Amino acid sequence: MTREELKAEIARLKEEHAALDKRVLEYDEQVWLSPEDQIAQKECKKLKLKAKERMAELTEQLNALGAE
């Protein structure tokens, strides 16, 4: 990937992570969660973590390109 592609993908993942974070917070604010909501909340947390991990990987690649 080029530097521009890496930066664009990182920006997209940041937006995705922020949207998932908002959804998780909305679930956290509820007094009671149905079993379906609990599953959805866990899925949001998993996707949020995957986005964060992918951002870290891409940031490493971007930094490596800068060092070359």
C-alpha atoms as a PDB file:
ATOM      1  CA  MET A   1       0.000   0.000   0.000  1.00  0.00           C
ATOM      2  CA  THR A   2       1.110   3.541  -0.620  1.00  0.00           C
ATOM      3  CA  ARG A   3       1.378   6.139   2.134  1.00  0.00           C
ATOM      4  CA  GLU A   4      -1.835   7.763   0.903  1.00  0.00           C
ATOM      5  CA  GLU A   5      -3.713   4.469   0.909  1.00  0.00           C
ATOM      6  CA  LEU A   6      -2.483   3.685   4.409  1.00  0.00           C
ATOM      7  CA  LYS A   7      -3.536   7.119   5.667  1.00  0.00           C
ATOM      8  CA  ALA A   8      -6.976   6.771   4.043  1.00  0.00           C
ATOM      9  CA  GLU A   9      -7.505   3.322   5.551  1.00  0.00           C
ATOM     10  CA  ILE A  10      -6.409   4.528   8.997  1.00  0.00           C
ATOM     11  CA  ALA A  11      -8.848   7.454   8.744  1.00  0.00           C
ATOM     12  CA  ARG A  12     -11.672   5.093   7.740  1.00  0.00           C
ATOM     13  CA  LEU A  13     -10.876   2.779  10.641  1.00  0.00           C
ATOM     14  CA  LYS A  14     -10.836   5.726  13.080  1.00  0.00           C
ATOM     15  CA  GLU A  15     -14.342   6.664  11.945  1.00  0.00           C
ATOM     16  CA  GLU A  16     -15.508   3.059  12.262  1.00  0.00           C
ATOM     17  CA  HIS A  17     -13.926   2.791  15.734  1.00  0.00           C
ATOM     18  CA  ALA A  18     -15.613   6.026  16.864  1.00  0.00           C
ATOM     19  CA  ALA A  19     -19.013   4.855  15.601  1.00  0.00           C
ATOM     20  CA  LEU A  20     -18.640   1.518  17.375  1.00  0.00           C
ATOM     21  CA  ASP A  21     -17.509   3.279  20.550  1.00  0.00           C
ATOM     22  CA  LYS A  22     -20.655   5.405  20.436  1.00  0.00           C
ATOM     23  CA  ARG A  23     -22.829   2.294  20.077  1.00  0.00           C
ATOM     24  CA  VAL A  24     -21.072   0.567  22.985  1.00  0.00           C
ATOM     25  CA  LEU A  25     -21.623   3.650  25.160  1.00  0.00           C
ATOM     26  CA  GLU A  26     -25.297   3.666  24.217  1.00  0.00           C
ATOM     27  CA  TYR A  27     -25.593   0.056  25.357  1.00  0.00           C
ATOM     28  CA  ASP A  28     -23.711   0.898  28.573  1.00  0.00           C
ATOM     29  CA  GLU A  29     -26.209   3.644  29.366  1.00  0.00           C
ATOM     30  CA  GLN A  30     -29.152   1.237  29.270  1.00  0.00           C
ATOM     31  CA  VAL A  31     -30.360  -0.082  32.604  1.00  0.00           C
ATOM     32  CA  TRP A  32     -31.240  -3.491  31.186  1.00  0.00           C
ATOM     33  CA  LEU A  33     -30.117  -5.256  28.026  1.00  0.00           C
ATOM     34  CA  SER A  34     -32.059  -8.006  26.327  1.00  0.00           C
ATOM     35  CA  PRO A  35     -30.101 -11.122  25.374  1.00  0.00           C
ATOM     36  CA  GLU A  36     -30.057  -9.836  21.779  1.00  0.00           C
ATOM     37  CA  ASP A  37     -28.704  -6.462  22.915  1.00  0.00           C
ATOM     38  CA  GLN A  38     -26.033  -8.199  24.994  1.00  0.00           C
ATOM     39  CA  ILE A  39     -24.907 -10.140  21.929  1.00  0.00           C
ATOM     40  CA  ALA A  40     -24.934  -6.980  19.808  1.00  0.00           C
ATOM     41  CA  GLN A  41     -22.912  -5.124  22.448  1.00  0.00           C
ATOM     42  CA  LYS A  42     -20.301  -7.896  22.558  1.00  0.00           C
ATOM     43  CA  GLU A  43     -20.085  -7.885  18.762  1.00  0.00           C
ATOM     44  CA  CYS A  44     -19.574  -4.112  18.756  1.00  0.00           C
ATOM     45  CA  LYS A  45     -16.773  -4.491  21.300  1.00  0.00           C
ATOM     46  CA  LYS A  46     -15.118  -7.201  19.181  1.00  0.00           C
ATOM     47  CA  LEU A  47     -15.342  -5.115  16.012  1.00  0.00           C
ATOM     48  CA  LYS A  48     -14.028  -2.082  17.869  1.00  0.00           C
ATOM     49  CA  LEU A  49     -11.005  -4.057  19.063  1.00  0.00           C
ATOM     50  CA  LYS A  50     -10.362  -5.426  15.561  1.00  0.00           C
ATOM     51  CA  ALA A  51     -10.462  -1.890  14.147  1.00  0.00           C
ATOM     52  CA  LYS A  52      -8.017  -0.702  16.810  1.00  0.00           C
ATOM     53  CA  GLU A  53      -5.639  -3.587  16.127  1.00  0.00           C
ATOM     54  CA  ARG A  54      -5.797  -2.981  12.376  1.00  0.00           C
ATOM     55  CA  MET A  55      -5.096   0.734  12.898  1.00  0.00           C
ATOM     56  CA  ALA A  56      -1.999  -0.201  14.909  1.00  0.00           C
ATOM     57  CA  GLU A  57      -0.799  -2.538  12.136  1.00  0.00           C
ATOM     58  CA  LEU A  58      -1.305   0.085   9.456  1.00  0.00           C
ATOM     59  CA  THR A  59       0.352   2.759  11.565  1.00  0.00           C
ATOM     60  CA  GLU A  60       3.402   0.497  11.898  1.00  0.00           C
ATOM     61  CA  GLN A  61       3.482   0.039   8.137  1.00  0.00           C
ATOM     62  CA  LEU A  62       3.165   3.783   7.630  1.00  0.00           C
ATOM     63  CA  ASN A  63       6.004   4.448  10.067  1.00  0.00           C
ATOM     64  CA  ALA A  64       8.159   1.851   8.306  1.00  0.00           C
ATOM     65  CA  LEU A  65       7.589   3.622   4.998  1.00  0.00           C
ATOM     66  CA  GLY A  66       8.630   6.893   6.593  1.00  0.00           C
ATOM     67  CA  ALA A  67      11.865   5.332   7.841  1.00  0.00           C
ATOM     68  CA  GLU A  68      12.877   4.144   4.392  1.00  0.00           C
END
